[in-house]
Amino acid sequence: MGVSRSHHYYKKRAKCRADIEEQIKLKELFIKFPFNGYRKHVYELKKESIVSTTKRVRRLMREMDL
């Protein structure tokens, strides 16, 4: 057939609330500081007591085309 069985049964997960809230905060930070990279955005999120990893912030920024 050419298609694996796991591919047939795979279902995408819905976005969790934490991702959506973090995307909103990242968007606000990007508008406020457009030239900051992911590292500075992680630092700014930590200052606002939102714990996030660099990998997660990079992924969210890539998905949002920031």
Protein backbone atom coordinates (compact mmCIF):
# COMPACT_ATOMS: atom_id res chain seq x y z
CA MET A 1 0.00 0.00 0.00
CA GLY A 2 2.75 2.48 0.85
CA VAL A 3 1.06 4.06 3.91
CA SER A 4 1.98 2.99 7.42
CA ARG A 5 -0.71 1.89 9.84
CA SER A 6 0.25 4.48 12.44
CA HIS A 7 -0.22 7.23 9.87
CA HIS A 8 -3.78 6.08 9.27
CA TYR A 9 -4.74 6.16 12.97
CA TYR A 10 -2.90 9.41 13.86
CA LYS A 11 -5.12 12.18 15.23
CA LYS A 12 -3.87 15.72 15.84
CA ARG A 13 -4.24 17.09 19.33
CA ALA A 14 -6.19 20.26 19.92
CA LYS A 15 -4.18 23.24 21.12
CA CYS A 16 -4.17 23.52 24.87
CA ARG A 17 -5.17 26.68 26.70
CA ALA A 18 -1.60 27.30 27.92
CA ASP A 19 -0.32 27.43 24.32
CA ILE A 20 -3.01 29.91 23.32
CA GLU A 21 -2.39 32.15 26.33
CA GLU A 22 1.34 32.02 25.71
CA GLN A 23 0.84 32.89 22.04
CA ILE A 24 -1.17 35.96 23.04
CA LYS A 25 1.58 37.07 25.44
CA LEU A 26 4.27 36.45 22.81
CA LYS A 27 2.32 38.52 20.30
CA GLU A 28 2.10 41.38 22.82
CA LEU A 29 5.83 41.13 23.55
CA PHE A 30 6.64 41.05 19.84
CA ILE A 31 4.61 44.22 19.27
CA LYS A 32 6.36 45.88 22.21
CA PHE A 33 9.88 44.61 21.37
CA PRO A 34 9.93 43.63 17.67
CA PHE A 35 13.71 43.16 17.43
CA ASN A 36 14.11 40.82 20.40
CA GLY A 37 14.82 37.18 19.73
CA TYR A 38 13.45 34.10 21.43
CA ARG A 39 15.91 34.31 24.32
CA LYS A 40 14.84 37.81 25.31
CA HIS A 41 11.20 36.82 24.94
CA VAL A 42 11.75 33.87 27.31
CA TYR A 43 13.33 36.29 29.79
CA GLU A 44 10.39 38.70 29.49
CA LEU A 45 7.90 35.85 29.97
CA LYS A 46 9.76 34.74 33.10
CA LYS A 47 9.57 38.31 34.45
CA GLU A 48 5.80 38.06 34.06
CA SER A 49 5.91 34.71 35.94
CA ILE A 50 5.09 32.61 32.86
CA VAL A 51 7.42 29.63 32.88
CA SER A 52 8.39 28.59 29.38
CA THR A 53 11.34 26.90 27.73
CA THR A 54 13.38 28.24 24.84
CA LYS A 55 12.31 25.36 22.61
CA ARG A 56 8.65 26.07 23.25
CA VAL A 57 9.03 29.81 22.58
CA ARG A 58 10.96 29.11 19.36
CA ARG A 59 8.26 26.70 18.21
CA LEU A 60 5.45 29.14 18.98
CA MET A 61 7.27 31.99 17.26
CA ARG A 62 7.85 29.82 14.20
CA GLU A 63 4.19 28.79 14.08
CA MET A 64 3.07 32.42 14.38
CA ASP A 65 5.62 33.65 11.79
CA LEU A 66 7.24 36.09 14.22
